[in-house]
């Protein structure tokens, strides 16, 4: 898994490349935790994530809860079809705001 953080005006874009599962979920959780020291709004760019397991969903749930506890939020952008299915079936579409394009997610923090 490759992770990258990029600060924009009102949020941090976390670019994720690779599958999000039990093997690398803890790495992503720690990455978000490290970013939360200085930020509270996040956009996870899922354009290069083709698979997410229940362990990956737990990472997202924990991250969105902590971000909201601190007065911020986590939003997803550019999710692939396979990931969309998992997010829909698991009910995450009611928990986390999901945008088709990264620029839509970025714009959402300016509104």
PDB file of N, CA and C in Angstrom:
ATOM      1  N   UNK A   1       0.843  -1.170   0.000  1.00  0.00           N
ATOM      2  CA  UNK A   1       0.000   0.000   0.000  1.00  0.00           C
ATOM      3  C   UNK A   1       0.889   1.234   0.000  1.00  0.00           C
ATOM      4  N   UNK A   2       0.496   2.196  -0.812  1.00  0.00           N
ATOM      5  CA  UNK A   2       1.198   3.477  -0.845  1.00  0.00           C
ATOM      6  C   UNK A   2       0.251   4.547  -0.327  1.00  0.00           C
ATOM      7  N   UNK A   3       0.754   5.399   0.552  1.00  0.00           N
ATOM      8  CA  UNK A   3      -0.031   6.475   1.144  1.00  0.00           C
ATOM      9  C   UNK A   3       0.685   7.800   0.949  1.00  0.00           C
ATOM     10  N   UNK A   4      -0.096   8.822   0.668  1.00  0.00           N
ATOM     11  CA  UNK A   4       0.470  10.148   0.488  1.00  0.00           C
ATOM     12  C   UNK A   4      -0.512  11.167   1.042  1.00  0.00           C
ATOM     13  N   UNK A   5      -0.007  12.189   1.698  1.00  0.00           N
ATOM     14  CA  UNK A   5      -0.853  13.257   2.235  1.00  0.00           C
ATOM     15  C   UNK A   5      -0.499  14.566   1.565  1.00  0.00           C
ATOM     16  N   UNK A   6      -1.545  15.308   1.182  1.00  0.00           N
ATOM     17  CA  UNK A   6      -1.352  16.606   0.550  1.00  0.00           C
ATOM     18  C   UNK A   6      -2.300  17.605   1.199  1.00  0.00           C
ATOM     19  N   UNK A   7      -1.735  18.645   1.781  1.00  0.00           N
ATOM     20  CA  UNK A   7      -2.540  19.693   2.421  1.00  0.00           C
ATOM     21  C   UNK A   7      -3.144  20.601   1.355  1.00  0.00           C
ATOM     22  N   UNK A   8      -4.441  20.828   1.461  1.00  0.00           N
ATOM     23  CA  UNK A   8      -5.102  21.828   0.638  1.00  0.00           C
ATOM     24  C   UNK A   8      -5.683  22.858   1.597  1.00  0.00           C
ATOM     25  N   UNK A   9      -6.434  23.791   1.092  1.00  0.00           N
ATOM     26  CA  UNK A   9      -6.912  24.894   1.919  1.00  0.00           C
ATOM     27  C   UNK A   9      -7.621  24.453   3.206  1.00  0.00           C
ATOM     28  N   UNK A  10      -8.663  23.621   3.088  1.00  0.00           N
ATOM     29  CA  UNK A  10      -9.475  23.275   4.254  1.00  0.00           C
ATOM     30  C   UNK A  10      -9.403  21.811   4.665  1.00  0.00           C
ATOM     31  N   UNK A  11      -8.512  21.050   4.065  1.00  0.00           N
ATOM     32  CA  UNK A  11      -8.462  19.618   4.352  1.00  0.00           C
ATOM     33  C   UNK A  11      -7.116  19.032   3.927  1.00  0.00           C
ATOM     34  N   UNK A  12      -6.964  17.754   4.253  1.00  0.00           N
ATOM     35  CA  UNK A  12      -5.802  16.995   3.805  1.00  0.00           C
ATOM     36  C   UNK A  12      -6.320  15.881   2.912  1.00  0.00           C
ATOM     37  N   UNK A  13      -5.723  15.758   1.717  1.00  0.00           N
ATOM     38  CA  UNK A  13      -6.076  14.677   0.807  1.00  0.00           C
ATOM     39  C   UNK A  13      -5.140  13.511   1.099  1.00  0.00           C
ATOM     40  N   UNK A  14      -5.731  12.375   1.432  1.00  0.00           N
ATOM     41  CA  UNK A  14      -4.963  11.160   1.653  1.00  0.00           C
ATOM     42  C   UNK A  14      -5.147  10.281   0.420  1.00  0.00           C
ATOM     43  N   UNK A  15      -4.097  10.142  -0.361  1.00  0.00           N
ATOM     44  CA  UNK A  15      -4.136   9.288  -1.545  1.00  0.00           C
ATOM     45  C   UNK A  15      -3.727   7.879  -1.131  1.00  0.00           C
ATOM     46  N   UNK A  16      -4.571   6.924  -1.488  1.00  0.00           N
ATOM     47  CA  UNK A  16      -4.345   5.533  -1.110  1.00  0.00           C
ATOM     48  C   UNK A  16      -4.202   4.719  -2.385  1.00  0.00           C
ATOM     49  N   UNK A  17      -3.150   3.909  -2.428  1.00  0.00           N
ATOM     50  CA  UNK A  17      -2.941   3.038  -3.586  1.00  0.00           C
ATOM     51  C   UNK A  17      -2.751   1.614  -3.088  1.00  0.00           C
ATOM     52  N   UNK A  18      -3.651   0.726  -3.499  1.00  0.00           N
ATOM     53  CA  UNK A  18      -3.591  -0.670  -3.074  1.00  0.00           C
ATOM     54  C   UNK A  18      -4.878  -1.079  -2.395  1.00  0.00           C
ATOM     55  N   UNK A  19      -4.945  -2.348  -1.998  1.00  0.00           N
ATOM     56  CA  UNK A  19      -6.129  -2.864  -1.327  1.00  0.00           C
ATOM     57  C   UNK A  19      -6.142  -2.427   0.133  1.00  0.00           C
ATOM     58  N   UNK A  20      -7.338  -2.273   0.651  1.00  0.00           N
ATOM     59  CA  UNK A  20      -7.510  -1.875   2.049  1.00  0.00           C
ATOM     60  C   UNK A  20      -8.118  -3.061   2.782  1.00  0.00           C
ATOM     61  N   UNK A  21      -7.272  -3.809   3.497  1.00  0.00           N
ATOM     62  CA  UNK A  21      -7.716  -5.027   4.161  1.00  0.00           C
ATOM     63  C   UNK A  21      -7.024  -5.176   5.511  1.00  0.00           C
ATOM     64  N   UNK A  22      -7.178  -6.348   6.120  1.00  0.00           N
ATOM     65  CA  UNK A  22      -6.607  -6.585   7.450  1.00  0.00           C
ATOM     66  C   UNK A  22      -5.083  -6.469   7.454  1.00  0.00           C
ATOM     67  N   UNK A  23      -4.468  -6.787   6.347  1.00  0.00           N
ATOM     68  CA  UNK A  23      -3.005  -6.739   6.258  1.00  0.00           C
ATOM     69  C   UNK A  23      -2.468  -5.313   6.369  1.00  0.00           C
ATOM     70  N   UNK A  24      -3.100  -4.370   5.680  1.00  0.00           N
ATOM     71  CA  UNK A  24      -2.567  -3.006   5.689  1.00  0.00           C
ATOM     72  C   UNK A  24      -3.494  -1.975   6.320  1.00  0.00           C
ATOM     73  N   UNK A  25      -4.622  -2.410   6.867  1.00  0.00           N
ATOM     74  CA  UNK A  25      -5.523  -1.494   7.571  1.00  0.00           C
ATOM     75  C   UNK A  25      -4.847  -0.745   8.718  1.00  0.00           C
ATOM     76  N   UNK A  26      -4.066  -1.458   9.551  1.00  0.00           N
ATOM     77  CA  UNK A  26      -3.394  -0.755  10.656  1.00  0.00           C
ATOM     78  C   UNK A  26      -2.448   0.355  10.177  1.00  0.00           C
ATOM     79  N   UNK A  27      -1.817   0.133   9.037  1.00  0.00           N
ATOM     80  CA  UNK A  27      -0.924   1.163   8.480  1.00  0.00           C
ATOM     81  C   UNK A  27      -1.718   2.425   8.126  1.00  0.00           C
ATOM     82  N   UNK A  28      -2.882   2.242   7.500  1.00  0.00           N
ATOM     83  CA  UNK A  28      -3.720   3.388   7.153  1.00  0.00           C
ATOM     84  C   UNK A  28      -4.262   4.067   8.405  1.00  0.00           C
ATOM     85  N   UNK A  29      -4.676   3.282   9.385  1.00  0.00           N
ATOM     86  CA  UNK A  29      -5.191   3.853  10.639  1.00  0.00           C
ATOM     87  C   UNK A  29      -4.131   4.724  11.301  1.00  0.00           C
ATOM     88  N   UNK A  30      -2.897   4.243  11.342  1.00  0.00           N
ATOM     89  CA  UNK A  30      -1.810   5.019  11.947  1.00  0.00           C
ATOM     90  C   UNK A  30      -1.508   6.267  11.120  1.00  0.00           C
ATOM     91  N   UNK A  31      -1.576   6.150   9.807  1.00  0.00           N
ATOM     92  CA  UNK A  31      -1.324   7.290   8.930  1.00  0.00           C
ATOM     93  C   UNK A  31      -2.340   8.399   9.209  1.00  0.00           C
ATOM     94  N   UNK A  32      -3.633   8.020   9.291  1.00  0.00           N
ATOM     95  CA  UNK A  32      -4.665   9.007   9.622  1.00  0.00           C
ATOM     96  C   UNK A  32      -4.420   9.600  11.006  1.00  0.00           C
ATOM     97  N   UNK A  33      -4.092   8.757  11.961  1.00  0.00           N
ATOM     98  CA  UNK A  33      -3.849   9.226  13.337  1.00  0.00           C
ATOM     99  C   UNK A  33      -2.716  10.256  13.365  1.00  0.00           C
ATOM    100  N   UNK A  34      -1.650   9.978  12.641  1.00  0.00           N
ATOM    101  CA  UNK A  34      -0.523  10.917  12.578  1.00  0.00           C
ATOM    102  C   UNK A  34      -0.950  12.248  11.956  1.00  0.00           C
ATOM    103  N   UNK A  35      -1.794  12.196  10.938  1.00  0.00           N
ATOM    104  CA  UNK A  35      -2.262  13.419  10.277  1.00  0.00           C
ATOM    105  C   UNK A  35      -3.191  14.225  11.176  1.00  0.00           C
ATOM    106  N   UNK A  36      -3.898  13.553  12.079  1.00  0.00           N
ATOM    107  CA  UNK A  36      -4.860  14.233  12.951  1.00  0.00           C
ATOM    108  C   UNK A  36      -4.205  15.110  14.004  1.00  0.00           C
ATOM    109  N   UNK A  37      -2.926  14.978  14.176  1.00  0.00           N
ATOM    110  CA  UNK A  37      -2.232  15.839  15.126  1.00  0.00           C
ATOM    111  C   UNK A  37      -2.321  17.296  14.698  1.00  0.00           C
ATOM    112  N   UNK A  38      -2.376  17.545  13.388  1.00  0.00           N
ATOM    113  CA  UNK A  38      -2.387  18.912  12.874  1.00  0.00           C
ATOM    114  C   UNK A  38      -3.624  19.258  12.047  1.00  0.00           C
ATOM    115  N   UNK A  39      -4.485  18.284  11.770  1.00  0.00           N
ATOM    116  CA  UNK A  39      -5.623  18.501  10.878  1.00  0.00           C
ATOM    117  C   UNK A  39      -6.871  17.818  11.422  1.00  0.00           C
ATOM    118  N   UNK A  40      -8.035  18.243  10.908  1.00  0.00           N
ATOM    119  CA  UNK A  40      -9.273  17.596  11.325  1.00  0.00           C
ATOM    120  C   UNK A  40     -10.185  17.228  10.155  1.00  0.00           C
ATOM    121  N   UNK A  41      -9.939  17.778   8.970  1.00  0.00           N
ATOM    122  CA  UNK A  41     -10.732  17.471   7.780  1.00  0.00           C
ATOM    123  C   UNK A  41      -9.901  16.669   6.793  1.00  0.00           C
ATOM    124  N   UNK A  42     -10.487  15.558   6.304  1.00  0.00           N
ATOM    125  CA  UNK A  42      -9.758  14.653   5.424  1.00  0.00           C
ATOM    126  C   UNK A  42     -10.602  14.233   4.233  1.00  0.00           C
ATOM    127  N   UNK A  43      -9.923  14.045   3.123  1.00  0.00           N
ATOM    128  CA  UNK A  43     -10.522  13.453   1.928  1.00  0.00           C
ATOM    129  C   UNK A  43      -9.656  12.253   1.581  1.00  0.00           C
ATOM    130  N   UNK A  44     -10.269  11.086   1.549  1.00  0.00           N
ATOM    131  CA  UNK A  44      -9.545   9.880   1.148  1.00  0.00           C
ATOM    132  C   UNK A  44      -9.783   9.659  -0.345  1.00  0.00           C
ATOM    133  N   UNK A  45      -8.722   9.769  -1.120  1.00  0.00           N
ATOM    134  CA  UNK A  45      -8.789   9.553  -2.564  1.00  0.00           C
ATOM    135  C   UNK A  45      -8.686   8.051  -2.830  1.00  0.00           C
ATOM    136  N   UNK A  46      -9.823   7.452  -3.217  1.00  0.00           N
ATOM    137  CA  UNK A  46      -9.908   6.007  -3.429  1.00  0.00           C
ATOM    138  C   UNK A  46      -9.768   5.627  -4.900  1.00  0.00           C
ATOM    139  N   UNK A  47      -9.271   6.508  -5.729  1.00  0.00           N
ATOM    140  CA  UNK A  47      -9.189   6.224  -7.167  1.00  0.00           C
ATOM    141  C   UNK A  47      -8.298   5.028  -7.487  1.00  0.00           C
ATOM    142  N   UNK A  48      -7.384   4.665  -6.591  1.00  0.00           N
ATOM    143  CA  UNK A  48      -6.481   3.539  -6.835  1.00  0.00           C
ATOM    144  C   UNK A  48      -6.680   2.410  -5.818  1.00  0.00           C
ATOM    145  N   UNK A  49      -7.880   2.371  -5.215  1.00  0.00           N
ATOM    146  CA  UNK A  49      -8.237   1.285  -4.294  1.00  0.00           C
ATOM    147  C   UNK A  49      -9.279   0.415  -4.994  1.00  0.00           C
ATOM    148  N   UNK A  50      -8.944  -0.849  -5.216  1.00  0.00           N
ATOM    149  CA  UNK A  50      -9.859  -1.743  -5.915  1.00  0.00           C
ATOM    150  C   UNK A  50     -10.587  -2.707  -4.988  1.00  0.00           C
ATOM    151  N   UNK A  51     -10.145  -2.804  -3.735  1.00  0.00           N
ATOM    152  CA  UNK A  51     -10.761  -3.744  -2.803  1.00  0.00           C
ATOM    153  C   UNK A  51     -10.734  -3.154  -1.397  1.00  0.00           C
ATOM    154  N   UNK A  52     -11.837  -3.356  -0.658  1.00  0.00           N
ATOM    155  CA  UNK A  52     -11.875  -2.988   0.748  1.00  0.00           C
ATOM    156  C   UNK A  52     -12.577  -4.101   1.512  1.00  0.00           C
ATOM    157  N   UNK A  53     -11.982  -4.515   2.614  1.00  0.00           N
ATOM    158  CA  UNK A  53     -12.560  -5.570   3.442  1.00  0.00           C
ATOM    159  C   UNK A  53     -13.229  -4.947   4.668  1.00  0.00           C
ATOM    160  N   UNK A  54     -13.792  -5.806   5.509  1.00  0.00           N
ATOM    161  CA  UNK A  54     -14.408  -5.308   6.742  1.00  0.00           C
ATOM    162  C   UNK A  54     -13.369  -4.621   7.628  1.00  0.00           C
ATOM    163  N   UNK A  55     -12.135  -5.082   7.579  1.00  0.00           N
ATOM    164  CA  UNK A  55     -11.071  -4.429   8.351  1.00  0.00           C
ATOM    165  C   UNK A  55     -10.832  -3.010   7.837  1.00  0.00           C
ATOM    166  N   UNK A  56     -10.893  -2.837   6.536  1.00  0.00           N
ATOM    167  CA  UNK A  56     -10.758  -1.501   5.949  1.00  0.00           C
ATOM    168  C   UNK A  56     -11.918  -0.611   6.339  1.00  0.00           C
ATOM    169  N   UNK A  57     -13.118  -1.183   6.360  1.00  0.00           N
ATOM    170  CA  UNK A  57     -14.295  -0.408   6.792  1.00  0.00           C
ATOM    171  C   UNK A  57     -14.148   0.051   8.237  1.00  0.00           C
ATOM    172  N   UNK A  58     -13.590  -0.800   9.085  1.00  0.00           N
ATOM    173  CA  UNK A  58     -13.379  -0.416  10.496  1.00  0.00           C
ATOM    174  C   UNK A  58     -12.415   0.759  10.602  1.00  0.00           C
ATOM    175  N   UNK A  59     -11.389   0.775   9.759  1.00  0.00           N
ATOM    176  CA  UNK A  59     -10.444   1.904   9.749  1.00  0.00           C
ATOM    177  C   UNK A  59     -11.181   3.193   9.382  1.00  0.00           C
ATOM    178  N   UNK A  60     -12.008   3.127   8.344  1.00  0.00           N
ATOM    179  CA  UNK A  60     -12.761   4.315   7.930  1.00  0.00           C
ATOM    180  C   UNK A  60     -13.716   4.767   9.024  1.00  0.00           C
ATOM    181  N   UNK A  61     -14.403   3.823   9.649  1.00  0.00           N
ATOM    182  CA  UNK A  61     -15.353   4.166  10.710  1.00  0.00           C
ATOM    183  C   UNK A  61     -14.645   4.820  11.888  1.00  0.00           C
ATOM    184  N   UNK A  62     -13.542   4.247  12.312  1.00  0.00           N
ATOM    185  CA  UNK A  62     -12.778   4.832  13.421  1.00  0.00           C
ATOM    186  C   UNK A  62     -12.252   6.214  13.083  1.00  0.00           C
ATOM    187  N   UNK A  63     -11.818   6.390  11.847  1.00  0.00           N
ATOM    188  CA  UNK A  63     -11.275   7.676  11.416  1.00  0.00           C
ATOM    189  C   UNK A  63     -12.357   8.745  11.346  1.00  0.00           C
ATOM    190  N   UNK A  64     -13.509   8.413  10.760  1.00  0.00           N
ATOM    191  CA  UNK A  64     -14.580   9.407  10.659  1.00  0.00           C
ATOM    192  C   UNK A  64     -15.102   9.777  12.041  1.00  0.00           C
ATOM    193  N   UNK A  65     -15.193   8.803  12.946  1.00  0.00           N
ATOM    194  CA  UNK A  65     -15.646   9.104  14.312  1.00  0.00           C
ATOM    195  C   UNK A  65     -14.677  10.059  15.010  1.00  0.00           C
ATOM    196  N   UNK A  66     -13.389   9.785  14.898  1.00  0.00           N
ATOM    197  CA  UNK A  66     -12.393  10.641  15.554  1.00  0.00           C
ATOM    198  C   UNK A  66     -12.351  12.029  14.923  1.00  0.00           C
ATOM    199  N   UNK A  67     -12.422  12.095  13.598  1.00  0.00           N
ATOM    200  CA  UNK A  67     -12.411  13.399  12.927  1.00  0.00           C
ATOM    201  C   UNK A  67     -13.622  14.230  13.376  1.00  0.00           C
ATOM    202  N   UNK A  68     -14.784  13.608  13.439  1.00  0.00           N
ATOM    203  CA  UNK A  68     -15.991  14.336  13.855  1.00  0.00           C
ATOM    204  C   UNK A  68     -15.928  14.715  15.322  1.00  0.00           C
ATOM    205  N   UNK A  69     -15.320  13.871  16.143  1.00  0.00           N
ATOM    206  CA  UNK A  69     -15.155  14.201  17.560  1.00  0.00           C
ATOM    207  C   UNK A  69     -14.319  15.477  17.718  1.00  0.00           C
ATOM    208  N   UNK A  70     -13.377  15.670  16.802  1.00  0.00           N
ATOM    209  CA  UNK A  70     -12.512  16.849  16.835  1.00  0.00           C
ATOM    210  C   UNK A  70     -13.100  18.032  16.064  1.00  0.00           C
ATOM    211  N   UNK A  71     -14.324  17.881  15.571  1.00  0.00           N
ATOM    212  CA  UNK A  71     -14.967  18.969  14.849  1.00  0.00           C
ATOM    213  C   UNK A  71     -14.706  18.974  13.359  1.00  0.00           C
ATOM    214  N   UNK A  72     -14.177  17.889  12.835  1.00  0.00           N
ATOM    215  CA  UNK A  72     -13.884  17.788  11.407  1.00  0.00           C
ATOM    216  C   UNK A  72     -14.705  16.714  10.740  1.00  0.00           C
ATOM    217  N   UNK A  73     -14.179  16.162   9.644  1.00  0.00           N
ATOM    218  CA  UNK A  73     -14.892  15.118   8.920  1.00  0.00           C
ATOM    219  C   UNK A  73     -13.930  14.364   8.007  1.00  0.00           C
ATOM    220  N   UNK A  74     -14.387  13.193   7.559  1.00  0.00           N
ATOM    221  CA  UNK A  74     -13.696  12.390   6.554  1.00  0.00           C
ATOM    222  C   UNK A  74     -14.664  12.197   5.407  1.00  0.00           C
ATOM    223  N   UNK A  75     -14.198  12.444   4.203  1.00  0.00           N
ATOM    224  CA  UNK A  75     -15.003  12.234   2.999  1.00  0.00           C
ATOM    225  C   UNK A  75     -14.207  11.380   2.029  1.00  0.00           C
ATOM    226  N   UNK A  76     -14.917  10.576   1.249  1.00  0.00           N
ATOM    227  CA  UNK A  76     -14.275   9.715   0.261  1.00  0.00           C
ATOM    228  C   UNK A  76     -14.487  10.277  -1.130  1.00  0.00           C
ATOM    229  N   UNK A  77     -13.525  10.035  -2.004  1.00  0.00           N
ATOM    230  CA  UNK A  77     -13.631  10.527  -3.376  1.00  0.00           C
ATOM    231  C   UNK A  77     -13.133   9.464  -4.352  1.00  0.00           C
ATOM    232  N   UNK A  78     -13.764   9.441  -5.512  1.00  0.00           N
ATOM    233  CA  UNK A  78     -13.333   8.632  -6.657  1.00  0.00           C
ATOM    234  C   UNK A  78     -13.284   7.139  -6.348  1.00  0.00           C
ATOM    235  N   UNK A  79     -14.297   6.636  -5.675  1.00  0.00           N
ATOM    236  CA  UNK A  79     -14.328   5.211  -5.349  1.00  0.00           C
ATOM    237  C   UNK A  79     -14.614   4.373  -6.599  1.00  0.00           C
ATOM    238  N   UNK A  80     -13.986   3.208  -6.665  1.00  0.00           N
ATOM    239  CA  UNK A  80     -14.174   2.260  -7.763  1.00  0.00           C
ATOM    240  C   UNK A  80     -15.467   1.473  -7.566  1.00  0.00           C
ATOM    241  N   UNK A  81     -15.957   0.822  -8.628  1.00  0.00           N
ATOM    242  CA  UNK A  81     -17.221   0.068  -8.570  1.00  0.00           C
ATOM    243  C   UNK A  81     -17.228  -0.987  -7.469  1.00  0.00           C
ATOM    244  N   UNK A  82     -16.155  -1.767  -7.359  1.00  0.00           N
ATOM    245  CA  UNK A  82     -16.095  -2.824  -6.334  1.00  0.00           C
ATOM    246  C   UNK A  82     -16.182  -2.239  -4.931  1.00  0.00           C
ATOM    247  N   UNK A  83     -15.507  -1.152  -4.716  1.00  0.00           N
ATOM    248  CA  UNK A  83     -15.516  -0.496  -3.408  1.00  0.00           C
ATOM    249  C   UNK A  83     -16.886   0.129  -3.153  1.00  0.00           C
ATOM    250  N   UNK A  84     -17.477   0.732  -4.174  1.00  0.00           N
ATOM    251  CA  UNK A  84     -18.826   1.298  -4.044  1.00  0.00           C
ATOM    252  C   UNK A  84     -19.825   0.252  -3.564  1.00  0.00           C
ATOM    253  N   UNK A  85     -19.745  -0.941  -4.129  1.00  0.00           N
ATOM    254  CA  UNK A  85     -20.662  -2.022  -3.740  1.00  0.00           C
ATOM    255  C   UNK A  85     -20.528  -2.339  -2.254  1.00  0.00           C
ATOM    256  N   UNK A  86     -19.312  -2.465  -1.788  1.00  0.00           N
ATOM    257  CA  UNK A  86     -19.073  -2.790  -0.380  1.00  0.00           C
ATOM    258  C   UNK A  86     -19.579  -1.656   0.521  1.00  0.00           C
ATOM    259  N   UNK A  87     -19.295  -0.423   0.139  1.00  0.00           N
ATOM    260  CA  UNK A  87     -19.748   0.721   0.930  1.00  0.00           C
ATOM    261  C   UNK A  87     -21.268   0.791   0.985  1.00  0.00           C
ATOM    262  N   UNK A  88     -21.927   0.487  -0.118  1.00  0.00           N
ATOM    263  CA  UNK A  88     -23.387   0.518  -0.165  1.00  0.00           C
ATOM    264  C   UNK A  88     -23.995  -0.609   0.663  1.00  0.00           C
ATOM    265  N   UNK A  89     -23.525  -1.822   0.453  1.00  0.00           N
ATOM    266  CA  UNK A  89     -24.058  -2.988   1.163  1.00  0.00           C
ATOM    267  C   UNK A  89     -23.862  -2.852   2.677  1.00  0.00           C
ATOM    268  N   UNK A  90     -22.728  -2.306   3.081  1.00  0.00           N
ATOM    269  CA  UNK A  90     -22.422  -2.180   4.504  1.00  0.00           C
ATOM    270  C   UNK A  90     -23.097  -0.978   5.169  1.00  0.00           C
ATOM    271  N   UNK A  91     -23.729  -0.128   4.371  1.00  0.00           N
ATOM    272  CA  UNK A  91     -24.404   1.038   4.932  1.00  0.00           C
ATOM    273  C   UNK A  91     -23.511   2.254   5.116  1.00  0.00           C
ATOM    274  N   UNK A  92     -22.290   2.191   4.633  1.00  0.00           N
ATOM    275  CA  UNK A  92     -21.364   3.310   4.811  1.00  0.00           C
ATOM    276  C   UNK A  92     -21.773   4.549   4.021  1.00  0.00           C
ATOM    277  N   UNK A  93     -22.618   4.374   3.022  1.00  0.00           N
ATOM    278  CA  UNK A  93     -23.065   5.534   2.251  1.00  0.00           C
ATOM    279  C   UNK A  93     -23.936   6.458   3.097  1.00  0.00           C
ATOM    280  N   UNK A  94     -24.424   5.943   4.218  1.00  0.00           N
ATOM    281  CA  UNK A  94     -25.198   6.777   5.145  1.00  0.00           C
ATOM    282  C   UNK A  94     -24.321   7.371   6.240  1.00  0.00           C
ATOM    283  N   UNK A  95     -23.095   6.917   6.329  1.00  0.00           N
ATOM    284  CA  UNK A  95     -22.184   7.362   7.390  1.00  0.00           C
ATOM    285  C   UNK A  95     -21.181   8.388   6.875  1.00  0.00           C
ATOM    286  N   UNK A  96     -20.624   8.110   5.713  1.00  0.00           N
ATOM    287  CA  UNK A  96     -19.557   8.939   5.150  1.00  0.00           C
ATOM    288  C   UNK A  96     -20.022   9.529   3.819  1.00  0.00           C
ATOM    289  N   UNK A  97     -19.740  10.803   3.617  1.00  0.00           N
ATOM    290  CA  UNK A  97     -20.063  11.433   2.330  1.00  0.00           C
ATOM    291  C   UNK A  97     -19.077  10.942   1.282  1.00  0.00           C
ATOM    292  N   UNK A  98     -19.629  10.527   0.141  1.00  0.00           N
ATOM    293  CA  UNK A  98     -18.814   9.970  -0.938  1.00  0.00           C
ATOM    294  C   UNK A  98     -19.049  10.785  -2.205  1.00  0.00           C
ATOM    295  N   UNK A  99     -17.966  11.192  -2.842  1.00  0.00           N
ATOM    296  CA  UNK A  99     -18.032  12.020  -4.043  1.00  0.00           C
ATOM    297  C   UNK A  99     -17.422  11.263  -5.215  1.00  0.00           C
ATOM    298  N   UNK A 100     -18.024  11.423  -6.392  1.00  0.00           N
ATOM    299  CA  UNK A 100     -17.526  10.731  -7.586  1.00  0.00           C
ATOM    300  C   UNK A 100     -16.160  11.240  -8.016  1.00  0.00           C
ATOM    301  N   UNK A 101     -15.911  12.534  -7.794  1.00  0.00           N
ATOM    302  CA  UNK A 101     -14.652  13.143  -8.225  1.00  0.00           C
ATOM    303  C   UNK A 101     -13.968  13.823  -7.042  1.00  0.00           C
ATOM    304  N   UNK A 102     -12.646  13.824  -7.100  1.00  0.00           N
ATOM    305  CA  UNK A 102     -11.856  14.432  -6.039  1.00  0.00           C
ATOM    306  C   UNK A 102     -12.158  15.918  -5.895  1.00  0.00           C
ATOM    307  N   UNK A 103     -12.283  16.622  -7.014  1.00  0.00           N
ATOM    308  CA  UNK A 103     -12.538  18.061  -6.921  1.00  0.00           C
ATOM    309  C   UNK A 103     -13.894  18.380  -6.292  1.00  0.00           C
ATOM    310  N   UNK A 104     -14.875  17.479  -6.422  1.00  0.00           N
ATOM    311  CA  UNK A 104     -16.169  17.674  -5.752  1.00  0.00           C
ATOM    312  C   UNK A 104     -16.005  17.566  -4.234  1.00  0.00           C
ATOM    313  N   UNK A 105     -15.190  16.610  -3.793  1.00  0.00           N
ATOM    314  CA  UNK A 105     -14.930  16.445  -2.358  1.00  0.00           C
ATOM    315  C   UNK A 105     -14.176  17.655  -1.814  1.00  0.00           C
ATOM    316  N   UNK A 106     -13.221  18.143  -2.565  1.00  0.00           N
ATOM    317  CA  UNK A 106     -12.468  19.326  -2.141  1.00  0.00           C
ATOM    318  C   UNK A 106     -13.422  20.518  -1.999  1.00  0.00           C
ATOM    319  N   UNK A 107     -14.263  20.705  -2.985  1.00  0.00           N
ATOM    320  CA  UNK A 107     -15.214  21.814  -2.981  1.00  0.00           C
ATOM    321  C   UNK A 107     -16.182  21.725  -1.792  1.00  0.00           C
ATOM    322  N   UNK A 108     -16.515  20.496  -1.368  1.00  0.00           N
ATOM    323  CA  UNK A 108     -17.473  20.314  -0.279  1.00  0.00           C
ATOM    324  C   UNK A 108     -16.982  20.899   1.046  1.00  0.00           C
ATOM    325  N   UNK A 109     -15.690  20.993   1.229  1.00  0.00           N
ATOM    326  CA  UNK A 109     -15.155  21.586   2.458  1.00  0.00           C
ATOM    327  C   UNK A 109     -15.136  23.114   2.398  1.00  0.00           C
ATOM    328  N   UNK A 110     -15.397  23.676   1.240  1.00  0.00           N
ATOM    329  CA  UNK A 110     -15.430  25.138   1.087  1.00  0.00           C
ATOM    330  C   UNK A 110     -16.834  25.695   1.229  1.00  0.00           C
ATOM    331  N   UNK A 111     -17.817  24.829   1.197  1.00  0.00           N
ATOM    332  CA  UNK A 111     -19.229  25.279   1.236  1.00  0.00           C
ATOM    333  C   UNK A 111     -19.689  25.529   2.644  1.00  0.00           C
TER     334      UNK A 111
END
